[in-house]
N, C-alpha and C. Protein backbone atom coordinates (compact mmCIF):
# COMPACT_ATOMS: atom_id res chain seq x y z
N MET A 1 69.67 -41.40 -5.14
CA MET A 1 71.02 -41.46 -4.33
C MET A 1 70.02 -42.03 -3.03
N ASN A 2 71.09 -42.27 -2.20
CA ASN A 2 70.76 -43.19 -0.82
C ASN A 2 71.46 -41.86 0.58
N LEU A 3 70.91 -41.47 0.85
CA LEU A 3 70.85 -41.37 2.01
C LEU A 3 70.72 -41.39 3.49
N LEU A 4 72.18 -41.87 3.82
CA LEU A 4 71.32 -41.49 6.00
C LEU A 4 71.94 -40.83 6.90
N LEU A 5 70.90 -40.14 6.96
CA LEU A 5 70.98 -39.08 8.54
C LEU A 5 70.75 -39.52 9.41
N GLY A 6 71.36 -39.93 10.55
CA GLY A 6 71.01 -40.73 11.71
C GLY A 6 71.22 -40.06 12.91
N ARG A 7 70.52 -38.53 12.69
CA ARG A 7 70.37 -38.18 13.66
C ARG A 7 68.73 -37.77 14.41
N HIS A 8 68.02 -38.16 14.01
CA HIS A 8 66.99 -39.01 14.11
C HIS A 8 66.52 -39.90 14.85
N THR A 9 65.32 -39.45 15.87
CA THR A 9 64.96 -41.19 16.62
C THR A 9 64.27 -41.75 16.04
N GLY A 10 63.28 -41.34 15.67
CA GLY A 10 62.05 -41.48 14.65
C GLY A 10 62.04 -41.58 13.25
N PRO A 11 60.30 -42.34 12.14
CA PRO A 11 60.58 -42.20 10.79
C PRO A 11 60.82 -40.26 10.30
N VAL A 12 61.19 -40.28 9.31
CA VAL A 12 61.17 -38.78 8.49
C VAL A 12 60.21 -38.97 8.25
N TRP A 13 59.17 -37.94 8.48
CA TRP A 13 58.07 -37.57 7.46
C TRP A 13 58.73 -37.21 6.50
N GLN A 14 59.18 -35.72 5.87
CA GLN A 14 59.55 -35.59 5.24
C GLN A 14 61.34 -34.52 4.98
N VAL A 15 61.78 -34.36 3.43
CA VAL A 15 63.04 -33.66 3.47
C VAL A 15 62.94 -32.44 2.68
N ALA A 16 63.46 -31.42 2.70
CA ALA A 16 63.50 -29.76 1.99
C ALA A 16 64.43 -29.64 1.69
N TRP A 17 64.64 -29.72 0.41
CA TRP A 17 65.82 -28.66 -0.79
C TRP A 17 65.35 -26.99 -0.66
N ALA A 18 66.88 -26.30 0.06
CA ALA A 18 67.11 -25.27 0.13
C ALA A 18 67.37 -24.95 -1.54
N HIS A 19 66.55 -23.57 -1.42
CA HIS A 19 67.34 -23.02 -3.10
C HIS A 19 68.31 -22.89 -3.55
N PRO A 20 69.30 -23.51 -4.45
CA PRO A 20 70.42 -23.83 -5.34
C PRO A 20 70.58 -22.21 -4.82
N LYS A 21 70.78 -21.54 -4.67
CA LYS A 21 71.66 -20.08 -4.53
C LYS A 21 72.52 -20.34 -2.91
N PHE A 22 71.72 -20.48 -1.84
CA PHE A 22 71.98 -21.35 -0.27
C PHE A 22 73.49 -22.13 -0.40
N GLY A 23 73.49 -22.80 -1.57
CA GLY A 23 73.73 -24.40 -1.68
C GLY A 23 73.28 -25.24 -1.10
N HIS A 24 74.29 -26.67 -0.68
CA HIS A 24 73.54 -27.84 -0.74
C HIS A 24 73.33 -27.99 0.31
N ILE A 25 72.04 -27.58 0.51
CA ILE A 25 71.47 -27.47 2.23
C ILE A 25 69.78 -27.63 2.07
N LEU A 26 69.65 -28.46 3.03
CA LEU A 26 67.99 -29.60 2.63
C LEU A 26 67.89 -29.58 4.60
N ALA A 27 67.02 -30.03 4.66
CA ALA A 27 66.24 -29.99 6.29
C ALA A 27 64.96 -30.76 5.85
N SER A 28 64.89 -32.03 7.81
CA SER A 28 64.40 -33.28 8.12
C SER A 28 63.62 -32.67 8.66
N CYS A 29 62.07 -33.34 8.61
CA CYS A 29 62.09 -33.22 9.78
C CYS A 29 60.93 -34.62 10.91
N SER A 30 60.42 -35.14 11.52
CA SER A 30 60.86 -36.20 11.92
C SER A 30 59.82 -36.61 13.11
N TYR A 31 58.92 -37.85 13.20
CA TYR A 31 58.04 -37.98 14.25
C TYR A 31 58.54 -38.00 15.42
N ASP A 32 59.97 -38.16 15.53
CA ASP A 32 60.53 -37.86 17.45
C ASP A 32 60.15 -36.36 17.37
N GLY A 33 60.09 -35.31 16.59
CA GLY A 33 59.35 -33.88 17.11
C GLY A 33 60.67 -32.52 16.72
N LYS A 34 61.61 -33.06 15.89
CA LYS A 34 62.71 -32.53 15.64
C LYS A 34 62.83 -32.10 13.75
N VAL A 35 63.88 -30.53 13.88
CA VAL A 35 63.59 -30.39 12.73
C VAL A 35 64.85 -30.25 12.60
N ILE A 36 66.27 -31.12 11.95
CA ILE A 36 67.22 -30.75 11.20
C ILE A 36 67.48 -30.09 10.22
N ILE A 37 68.89 -29.15 10.07
CA ILE A 37 69.40 -28.51 8.85
C ILE A 37 70.09 -29.49 8.34
N TRP A 38 70.75 -29.84 7.28
CA TRP A 38 71.81 -30.43 7.11
C TRP A 38 72.33 -29.78 6.06
N LYS A 39 73.88 -29.38 5.72
CA LYS A 39 75.07 -28.99 4.82
C LYS A 39 75.76 -30.22 4.05
N GLU A 40 75.77 -30.32 2.93
CA GLU A 40 76.76 -31.22 2.36
C GLU A 40 78.47 -30.12 2.55
N GLN A 41 79.25 -31.26 2.84
CA GLN A 41 80.48 -31.17 3.20
C GLN A 41 80.90 -31.42 1.68
N GLN A 42 82.17 -30.56 1.97
CA GLN A 42 83.54 -30.70 0.56
C GLN A 42 84.19 -30.83 0.72
N PRO A 43 85.23 -31.66 -0.04
CA PRO A 43 84.18 -32.49 -1.37
C PRO A 43 83.14 -33.06 -0.80
N ALA A 44 82.28 -33.52 -1.34
CA ALA A 44 80.60 -33.87 -0.98
C ALA A 44 81.08 -35.25 -1.38
N SER A 45 81.74 -36.41 -1.18
CA SER A 45 82.12 -37.29 -0.70
C SER A 45 82.11 -37.51 0.92
N ALA A 46 82.21 -36.97 1.61
CA ALA A 46 82.73 -36.26 2.64
C ALA A 46 81.32 -36.26 3.26
N GLY A 47 80.11 -36.74 2.61
CA GLY A 47 79.11 -36.09 3.26
C GLY A 47 78.22 -34.91 4.05
N TRP A 48 76.73 -34.83 4.58
CA TRP A 48 76.34 -33.91 5.30
C TRP A 48 76.45 -33.78 6.26
N ALA A 49 76.82 -32.65 7.24
CA ALA A 49 77.14 -31.80 8.87
C ALA A 49 75.44 -31.64 9.13
N LYS A 50 74.99 -31.79 10.16
CA LYS A 50 74.13 -31.21 10.63
C LYS A 50 74.82 -29.86 11.27
N ILE A 51 73.69 -28.87 10.70
CA ILE A 51 74.38 -27.43 11.35
C ILE A 51 73.35 -26.93 12.26
N LYS A 52 72.09 -27.66 12.83
CA LYS A 52 71.49 -26.82 12.85
C LYS A 52 69.82 -27.87 13.38
N GLU A 53 69.57 -27.80 15.00
CA GLU A 53 68.66 -28.79 15.17
C GLU A 53 67.59 -27.90 16.44
N HIS A 54 66.36 -28.85 15.56
CA HIS A 54 65.26 -27.58 16.70
C HIS A 54 64.53 -29.07 16.71
N SER A 55 63.81 -28.68 18.52
CA SER A 55 63.08 -29.34 19.03
C SER A 55 62.09 -28.43 19.45
N LEU A 56 60.64 -28.45 19.67
CA LEU A 56 59.41 -28.13 20.44
C LEU A 56 59.89 -28.38 21.95
N HIS A 57 59.94 -27.22 22.27
CA HIS A 57 60.28 -27.64 23.82
C HIS A 57 58.39 -28.01 24.34
N THR A 58 58.86 -28.61 25.69
CA THR A 58 57.63 -29.68 25.72
C THR A 58 57.76 -29.03 28.22
N ALA A 59 56.75 -28.37 28.54
CA ALA A 59 57.01 -27.84 30.06
C ALA A 59 56.52 -29.38 30.83
N SER A 60 55.55 -30.73 29.83
CA SER A 60 55.69 -31.84 31.21
C SER A 60 56.36 -32.53 31.13
N GLY A 61 57.20 -32.31 29.99
CA GLY A 61 58.56 -33.39 30.18
C GLY A 61 57.81 -35.00 28.87
N THR A 62 56.93 -34.46 28.62
CA THR A 62 56.12 -35.40 27.80
C THR A 62 57.10 -35.35 26.39
N SER A 63 57.04 -36.34 25.54
CA SER A 63 57.48 -36.45 25.01
C SER A 63 56.78 -36.08 23.46
N LEU A 64 57.92 -35.08 21.97
CA LEU A 64 57.09 -34.13 21.87
C LEU A 64 56.47 -34.39 19.91
N PRO A 65 55.84 -33.73 20.35
CA PRO A 65 54.53 -33.66 18.91
C PRO A 65 55.80 -33.85 17.47
N PRO A 66 55.25 -34.73 16.95
CA PRO A 66 55.60 -35.23 15.29
C PRO A 66 55.62 -33.87 14.45
N VAL A 67 56.79 -32.90 13.99
CA VAL A 67 56.47 -32.12 13.07
C VAL A 67 56.43 -33.14 11.54
N HIS A 68 55.55 -32.84 10.86
CA HIS A 68 55.04 -33.46 9.48
C HIS A 68 55.87 -32.74 7.78
N SER A 69 55.61 -31.12 8.23
CA SER A 69 56.25 -30.89 7.28
C SER A 69 56.63 -29.86 7.39
N ILE A 70 57.75 -29.02 6.48
CA ILE A 70 59.59 -28.52 6.77
C ILE A 70 59.93 -28.11 5.37
N PRO A 71 58.78 -26.80 4.58
CA PRO A 71 59.07 -26.25 3.24
C PRO A 71 60.48 -24.98 3.91
N PHE A 72 61.48 -24.75 2.70
CA PHE A 72 61.76 -23.35 2.19
C PHE A 72 60.95 -22.73 2.43
N LEU A 73 60.68 -21.48 2.63
CA LEU A 73 60.81 -20.18 1.86
C LEU A 73 61.25 -19.33 0.54
N HIS A 74 60.68 -19.16 -0.54
CA HIS A 74 61.23 -19.11 -1.51
C HIS A 74 62.09 -17.47 -1.40
N SER A 75 61.93 -16.70 -0.91
CA SER A 75 62.59 -15.25 -0.84
C SER A 75 63.99 -15.38 0.00
N SER A 76 63.92 -15.82 1.16
CA SER A 76 65.14 -16.22 2.00
C SER A 76 65.85 -17.54 2.49
N THR A 77 66.24 -17.88 3.75
CA THR A 77 66.80 -18.66 3.92
C THR A 77 65.91 -19.27 5.45
N ALA A 78 65.18 -18.21 5.98
CA ALA A 78 63.76 -19.19 6.42
C ALA A 78 63.19 -20.23 6.00
N MET A 79 62.13 -20.84 7.10
CA MET A 79 61.51 -21.90 7.10
C MET A 79 60.60 -21.95 7.68
N SER A 80 59.70 -22.44 7.22
CA SER A 80 58.12 -22.46 7.27
C SER A 80 56.95 -23.64 8.22
N LYS A 81 57.68 -23.66 9.41
CA LYS A 81 57.41 -25.32 9.98
C LYS A 81 55.93 -25.81 9.89
N SER A 82 55.08 -27.08 9.86
CA SER A 82 54.38 -27.22 10.18
C SER A 82 53.53 -28.24 10.99
N CYS A 83 53.31 -28.52 12.05
CA CYS A 83 52.83 -29.53 12.58
C CYS A 83 51.44 -30.25 12.70
């Protein structure tokens, strides 16, 4: 499958799929410091929509640190983020 999710401004390091019981949901994390949660639209040909975006806060106004890993937890919709 080829998928273009154009909301990141840096290389995407990882994508993770949620457990199927939550529907077609995936997360992407990037060098740009963002974690974005996506949901497949119905019908599937409609593509994917961003449902949540998280960026780390920087007090000094410098660029965000990259996010390297974004696994879903098995028992809930919560996510664990590793920098």
